[in-house]
C-alpha atoms as a PDB file:
ATOM      1  CA  MET A   1      89.402 104.913 107.719  1.00  0.00           C
ATOM      2  CA  ILE A   2      87.886 103.344 104.578  1.00  0.00           C
ATOM      3  CA  PRO A   3      84.079 103.199 104.562  1.00  0.00           C
ATOM      4  CA  PRO A   4      82.124 100.016 103.839  1.00  0.00           C
ATOM      5  CA  PRO A   5      81.647  99.106 100.157  1.00  0.00           C
ATOM      6  CA  GLY A   6      78.214 100.696  99.634  1.00  0.00           C
ATOM      7  CA  ARG A   7      79.385 104.148 100.710  1.00  0.00           C
ATOM      8  CA  LEU A   8      82.858 103.661  99.226  1.00  0.00           C
ATOM      9  CA  GLU A   9      81.426 102.808  95.812  1.00  0.00           C
ATOM     10  CA  ARG A  10      79.225 105.905  95.849  1.00  0.00           C
ATOM     11  CA  VAL A  11      82.231 108.078  96.779  1.00  0.00           C
ATOM     12  CA  CYS A  12      84.405 106.483  94.085  1.00  0.00           C
ATOM     13  CA  LYS A  13      81.716 107.126  91.467  1.00  0.00           C
ATOM     14  CA  GLY A  14      81.445 110.721  92.681  1.00  0.00           C
ATOM     15  CA  LEU A  15      85.216 111.244  92.447  1.00  0.00           C
ATOM     16  CA  ALA A  16      85.197 109.892  88.887  1.00  0.00           C
ATOM     17  CA  VAL A  17      82.278 112.172  87.947  1.00  0.00           C
ATOM     18  CA  LEU A  18      83.975 115.215  89.469  1.00  0.00           C
ATOM     19  CA  ASP A  19      87.158 114.446  87.519  1.00  0.00           C
ATOM     20  CA  ALA A  20      85.101 114.026  84.315  1.00  0.00           C
ATOM     21  CA  ILE A  21      83.406 117.389  84.882  1.00  0.00           C
ATOM     22  CA  LEU A  22      86.672 119.174  85.630  1.00  0.00           C
ATOM     23  CA  CYS A  23      88.875 117.508  83.003  1.00  0.00           C
ATOM     24  CA  GLU A  24      87.716 116.505  79.524  1.00  0.00           C
ATOM     25  CA  ASP A  25      90.967 114.602  78.827  1.00  0.00           C
ATOM     26  CA  TRP A  26      90.544 111.147  80.392  1.00  0.00           C
ATOM     27  CA  SER A  27      94.309 110.558  80.471  1.00  0.00           C
ATOM     28  CA  LEU A  28      94.778 113.520  82.842  1.00  0.00           C
ATOM     29  CA  ARG A  29      92.141 112.422  85.350  1.00  0.00           C
ATOM     30  CA  LEU A  30      93.160 110.784  88.622  1.00  0.00           C
ATOM     31  CA  PHE A  31      89.932 108.931  89.383  1.00  0.00           C
ATOM     32  CA  SER A  32      87.954 106.583  87.176  1.00  0.00           C
ATOM     33  CA  PHE A  33      85.143 104.109  87.658  1.00  0.00           C
ATOM     34  CA  ASP A  34      84.085 101.224  85.419  1.00  0.00           C
ATOM     35  CA  ALA A  35      80.552 100.083  86.231  1.00  0.00           C
ATOM     36  CA  SER A  36      80.970  97.196  83.760  1.00  0.00           C
ATOM     37  CA  TRP A  37      84.377  95.862  84.830  1.00  0.00           C
ATOM     38  CA  ASP A  38      82.968  92.316  84.730  1.00  0.00           C
ATOM     39  CA  GLU A  39      79.476  92.921  83.416  1.00  0.00           C
ATOM     40  CA  ALA A  40      78.486  89.246  83.433  1.00  0.00           C
ATOM     41  CA  ARG A  41      79.076  89.032  87.185  1.00  0.00           C
ATOM     42  CA  GLY A  42      78.073  92.605  88.059  1.00  0.00           C
ATOM     43  CA  VAL A  43      81.579  93.478  89.273  1.00  0.00           C
ATOM     44  CA  ARG A  44      82.602  97.166  89.292  1.00  0.00           C
ATOM     45  CA  MET A  45      86.064  98.709  89.567  1.00  0.00           C
ATOM     46  CA  ALA A  46      87.322 102.074  90.803  1.00  0.00           C
ATOM     47  CA  SER A  47      90.854 103.293  90.254  1.00  0.00           C
ATOM     48  CA  MET A  48      93.221 106.134  90.949  1.00  0.00           C
ATOM     49  CA  ARG A  49      96.306 106.676  88.808  1.00  0.00           C
ATOM     50  CA  ASN A  50      98.451 109.772  89.183  1.00  0.00           C
ATOM     51  CA  GLY A  51     100.669 109.298  86.133  1.00  0.00           C
ATOM     52  CA  GLU A  52     103.777 108.984  88.308  1.00  0.00           C
ATOM     53  CA  GLY A  53     103.437 105.270  89.026  1.00  0.00           C
ATOM     54  CA  ASP A  54     101.125 105.514  92.014  1.00  0.00           C
ATOM     55  CA  ALA A  55      97.775 103.754  91.725  1.00  0.00           C
ATOM     56  CA  TRP A  56      95.024 101.983  93.557  1.00  0.00           C
ATOM     57  CA  PHE A  57      92.308  99.651  92.383  1.00  0.00           C
ATOM     58  CA  ILE A  58      89.116  98.812  94.238  1.00  0.00           C
ATOM     59  CA  VAL A  59      86.854  96.031  93.013  1.00  0.00           C
ATOM     60  CA  PHE A  60      83.247  95.819  94.202  1.00  0.00           C
ATOM     61  CA  ASP A  61      81.784  92.326  94.023  1.00  0.00           C
ATOM     62  CA  GLY A  62      78.448  91.852  95.780  1.00  0.00           C
ATOM     63  CA  GLU A  63      78.920  92.897  99.396  1.00  0.00           C
ATOM     64  CA  CYS A  64      82.681  92.326  99.227  1.00  0.00           C
ATOM     65  CA  ALA A  65      85.453  94.632  98.051  1.00  0.00           C
ATOM     66  CA  PHE A  66      89.095  94.159  97.038  1.00  0.00           C
ATOM     67  CA  PHE A  67      91.710  96.924  97.447  1.00  0.00           C
ATOM     68  CA  LYS A  68      95.228  97.051  95.985  1.00  0.00           C
ATOM     69  CA  ALA A  69      97.510 100.095  96.222  1.00  0.00           C
ATOM     70  CA  TYR A  70     101.025 100.942  95.119  1.00  0.00           C
ATOM     71  CA  TRP A  71     103.166 104.051  95.708  1.00  0.00           C
ATOM     72  CA  HIS A  72     106.362 103.915  93.669  1.00  0.00           C
ATOM     73  CA  GLU A  73     108.519 105.776  96.200  1.00  0.00           C
ATOM     74  CA  HIS A  74     107.807 103.253  98.941  1.00  0.00           C
ATOM     75  CA  PRO A  75     109.006  99.675  99.344  1.00  0.00           C
ATOM     76  CA  ARG A  76     107.024  96.888  97.769  1.00  0.00           C
ATOM     77  CA  VAL A  77     105.544  94.335 100.112  1.00  0.00           C
ATOM     78  CA  ASP A  78     104.935  90.648  99.497  1.00  0.00           C
ATOM     79  CA  PRO A  79     101.535  90.346  97.771  1.00  0.00           C
ATOM     80  CA  GLY A  80     101.216  86.805  99.136  1.00  0.00           C
ATOM     81  CA  ALA A  81     101.387  88.129 102.694  1.00  0.00           C
ATOM     82  CA  VAL A  82      99.052  91.055 101.999  1.00  0.00           C
ATOM     83  CA  PHE A  83      96.359  88.917 100.384  1.00  0.00           C
ATOM     84  CA  ASP A  84      96.737  85.750 102.491  1.00  0.00           C
ATOM     85  CA  GLY A  85      93.223  84.736 103.517  1.00  0.00           C
ATOM     86  CA  LEU A  86      91.536  86.615 100.661  1.00  0.00           C
ATOM     87  CA  PRO A  87      87.937  85.339 100.428  1.00  0.00           C
ATOM     88  CA  ASP A  88      87.157  82.973  97.562  1.00  0.00           C
ATOM     89  CA  ALA A  89      84.665  85.498  96.154  1.00  0.00           C
ATOM     90  CA  LEU A  90      87.562  87.896  95.499  1.00  0.00           C
ATOM     91  CA  ALA A  91      90.300  85.402  94.587  1.00  0.00           C
ATOM     92  CA  ALA A  92      90.212  86.235  90.866  1.00  0.00           C
ATOM     93  CA  GLN A  93      91.314  89.804  91.639  1.00  0.00           C
ATOM     94  CA  ARG A  94      94.550  88.511  93.173  1.00  0.00           C
ATOM     95  CA  HIS A  95      95.669  87.445  89.695  1.00  0.00           C
ATOM     96  CA  GLU A  96      94.255  90.318  87.636  1.00  0.00           C
ATOM     97  CA  PRO A  97      97.001  91.441  85.197  1.00  0.00           C
ATOM     98  CA  ALA A  98      95.606  94.995  84.981  1.00  0.00           C
ATOM     99  CA  PHE A  99      96.449  95.518  88.660  1.00  0.00           C
ATOM    100  CA  SER A 100     100.233  94.779  88.344  1.00  0.00           C
ATOM    101  CA  MET A 101     100.086  92.539  91.378  1.00  0.00           C
ATOM    102  CA  ASP A 102     103.867  92.444  91.823  1.00  0.00           C
ATOM    103  CA  ASP A 103     103.699  96.150  92.716  1.00  0.00           C
ATOM    104  CA  VAL A 104     101.954  96.302  96.097  1.00  0.00           C
ATOM    105  CA  THR A 105     102.473  98.786  98.910  1.00  0.00           C
ATOM    106  CA  PHE A 106      99.315  97.791 100.755  1.00  0.00           C
ATOM    107  CA  GLY A 107      96.016  96.140 100.098  1.00  0.00           C
ATOM    108  CA  GLY A 108      93.197  94.115 101.517  1.00  0.00           C
ATOM    109  CA  TRP A 109      89.535  93.345 101.337  1.00  0.00           C
ATOM    110  CA  PHE A 110      86.154  93.885 102.911  1.00  0.00           C
ATOM    111  CA  GLU A 111      83.910  91.025 104.036  1.00  0.00           C
ATOM    112  CA  PRO A 112      80.425  91.511 105.488  1.00  0.00           C
ATOM    113  CA  GLY A 113      80.455  90.885 109.214  1.00  0.00           C
ATOM    114  CA  ARG A 114      84.240  91.260 109.389  1.00  0.00           C
ATOM    115  CA  GLY A 115      84.890  94.693 107.903  1.00  0.00           C
ATOM    116  CA  TRP A 116      88.160  95.706 106.286  1.00  0.00           C
ATOM    117  CA  THR A 117      91.340  93.643 106.455  1.00  0.00           C
ATOM    118  CA  LEU A 118      94.237  95.869 105.351  1.00  0.00           C
ATOM    119  CA  ARG A 119      97.881  94.809 105.297  1.00  0.00           C
ATOM    120  CA  GLY A 120     101.177  96.271 104.204  1.00  0.00           C
ATOM    121  CA  ASN A 121     102.422  99.830 104.687  1.00  0.00           C
ATOM    122  CA  VAL A 122      98.999 101.437 105.200  1.00  0.00           C
ATOM    123  CA  ALA A 123      99.753 104.044 107.889  1.00  0.00           C
ATOM    124  CA  PRO A 124     101.889 106.417 105.764  1.00  0.00           C
ATOM    125  CA  PHE A 125      99.000 106.776 103.315  1.00  0.00           C
ATOM    126  CA  ALA A 126      96.230 107.836 105.669  1.00  0.00           C
ATOM    127  CA  GLU A 127      96.157 111.300 104.096  1.00  0.00           C
ATOM    128  CA  GLU A 128      96.180 109.988 100.504  1.00  0.00           C
ATOM    129  CA  ILE A 129      93.301 107.595 101.076  1.00  0.00           C
ATOM    130  CA  SER A 130      91.305 109.968 103.280  1.00  0.00           C
ATOM    131  CA  ILE A 131      89.618 111.183 100.083  1.00  0.00           C
ATOM    132  CA  LEU A 132      87.801 107.824 100.039  1.00  0.00           C
ATOM    133  CA  THR A 133      85.778 108.882 103.085  1.00  0.00           C
ATOM    134  CA  GLY A 134      83.924 111.360 100.892  1.00  0.00           C
ATOM    135  CA  ASP A 135      84.720 114.261 103.219  1.00  0.00           C
ATOM    136  CA  VAL A 136      83.751 117.311 101.164  1.00  0.00           C
ATOM    137  CA  ALA A 137      86.587 119.435 102.583  1.00  0.00           C
ATOM    138  CA  VAL A 138      89.176 116.810 101.583  1.00  0.00           C
ATOM    139  CA  VAL A 139      87.714 116.484  98.078  1.00  0.00           C
ATOM    140  CA  ARG A 140      87.494 120.261  97.705  1.00  0.00           C
ATOM    141  CA  ALA A 141      91.159 120.583  98.708  1.00  0.00           C
ATOM    142  CA  TYR A 142      92.095 117.924  96.123  1.00  0.00           C
ATOM    143  CA  ILE A 143      90.166 119.806  93.395  1.00  0.00           C
ATOM    144  CA  ALA A 144      91.829 123.109  94.372  1.00  0.00           C
ATOM    145  CA  SER A 145      95.284 121.547  94.319  1.00  0.00           C
ATOM    146  CA  TYR A 146      94.987 119.336  91.227  1.00  0.00           C
ATOM    147  CA  PHE A 147      92.654 121.357  88.989  1.00  0.00           C
ATOM    148  CA  GLU A 148      93.307 124.799  90.507  1.00  0.00           C
ATOM    149  CA  VAL A 149      89.560 125.327  90.818  1.00  0.00           C
ATOM    150  CA  ASP A 150      87.641 126.740  93.783  1.00  0.00           C
ATOM    151  CA  ALA A 151      84.683 124.369  93.501  1.00  0.00           C
ATOM    152  CA  PRO A 152      81.524 125.039  95.540  1.00  0.00           C
ATOM    153  CA  ALA A 153      81.267 122.660  98.489  1.00  0.00           C
ATOM    154  CA  ASP A 154      77.537 122.078  98.001  1.00  0.00           C
ATOM    155  CA  ALA A 155      78.060 121.038  94.355  1.00  0.00           C
ATOM    156  CA  ILE A 156      80.804 118.619  95.409  1.00  0.00           C
ATOM    157  CA  GLU A 157      78.555 117.194  98.118  1.00  0.00           C
ATOM    158  CA  HIS A 158      75.729 116.830  95.554  1.00  0.00           C
ATOM    159  CA  VAL A 159      77.935 114.660  93.310  1.00  0.00           C
ATOM    160  CA  LEU A 160      79.507 112.642  96.138  1.00  0.00           C
ATOM    161  CA  ALA A 161      76.033 111.858  97.501  1.00  0.00           C
ATOM    162  CA  GLY A 162      75.097 110.377  94.135  1.00  0.00           C
ATOM    163  CA  ARG A 163      72.225 112.777  93.577  1.00  0.00           C
ATOM    164  CA  PRO A 164      70.946 113.178  90.000  1.00  0.00           C
ATOM    165  CA  LEU A 165      73.248 115.371  87.978  1.00  0.00           C
ATOM    166  CA  ASP A 166      71.744 118.395  86.262  1.00  0.00           C
ATOM    167  CA  ALA A 167      73.094 121.070  83.928  1.00  0.00           C
ATOM    168  CA  ALA A 168      73.143 123.698  86.702  1.00  0.00           C
ATOM    169  CA  THR A 169      75.367 121.576  88.981  1.00  0.00           C
ATOM    170  CA  VAL A 170      77.742 120.811  86.114  1.00  0.00           C
ATOM    171  CA  ALA A 171      77.932 124.522  85.218  1.00  0.00           C
ATOM    172  CA  ARG A 172      78.708 125.451  88.833  1.00  0.00           C
ATOM    173  CA  LEU A 173      81.685 123.077  88.746  1.00  0.00           C
ATOM    174  CA  SER A 174      82.929 123.848  85.219  1.00  0.00           C
ATOM    175  CA  ALA A 175      81.837 126.436  82.690  1.00  0.00           C
ATOM    176  CA  ALA A 176      83.679 124.447  80.004  1.00  0.00           C
ATOM    177  CA  GLN A 177      81.684 121.234  80.482  1.00  0.00           C
ATOM    178  CA  SER A 178      78.086 120.301  79.655  1.00  0.00           C
ATOM    179  CA  LEU A 179      75.778 117.604  80.937  1.00  0.00           C
ATOM    180  CA  GLU A 180      75.277 116.318  77.383  1.00  0.00           C
ATOM    181  CA  ALA A 181      79.023 115.987  76.753  1.00  0.00           C
ATOM    182  CA  LEU A 182      79.364 113.996  79.994  1.00  0.00           C
ATOM    183  CA  GLY A 183      76.936 111.325  78.752  1.00  0.00           C
ATOM    184  CA  PRO A 184      79.544 108.685  77.779  1.00  0.00           C
ATOM    185  CA  ASP A 185      81.493 109.222  81.017  1.00  0.00           C
ATOM    186  CA  LEU A 186      78.353 108.994  83.155  1.00  0.00           C
ATOM    187  CA  ARG A 187      77.339 105.744  81.446  1.00  0.00           C
ATOM    188  CA  GLU A 188      80.795 104.217  81.983  1.00  0.00           C
ATOM    189  CA  ILE A 189      80.761 105.300  85.627  1.00  0.00           C
ATOM    190  CA  GLY A 190      77.198 104.087  86.158  1.00  0.00           C
ATOM    191  CA  TYR A 191      76.222 107.401  87.723  1.00  0.00           C
END
């Protein structure tokens, strides 16, 4: 369901770039990526916030990843149970105030050699988190629904694959955006 961290990080960066291209107002974007979340340790963080109380946070630390999600219309689960056994390399994320760790619907982590450990009420959210697979059709449907834009599939795939961004690709996705104006966003995302 959720790809390993290398692919997942590339997809998360692509989602953040697509949102930046399609929406100049950061506060209205769903997806963001901070390539310097903990710059000293090289830790990166992806997030989704829909403005209605639903959010997820994914932290990339070396070959490991931490995932915390909350949907406000669903019951909270015990964070202690969800994150029991969390690897030491990710333990600091369990107490990160920015993640509102009392509000957990599901979460987990990725360890090399073990894959993903996910706990909580994961099953009802298969559709919501399917965007993390990087499936172009799923991302295109999200863009059509959220931004009311019929974005070209090949341009979406270009961004999700992490290929170098050029002015022509940006223009195909949004006539209102320019590659130059995206500079600060692209630096923050690490794209």
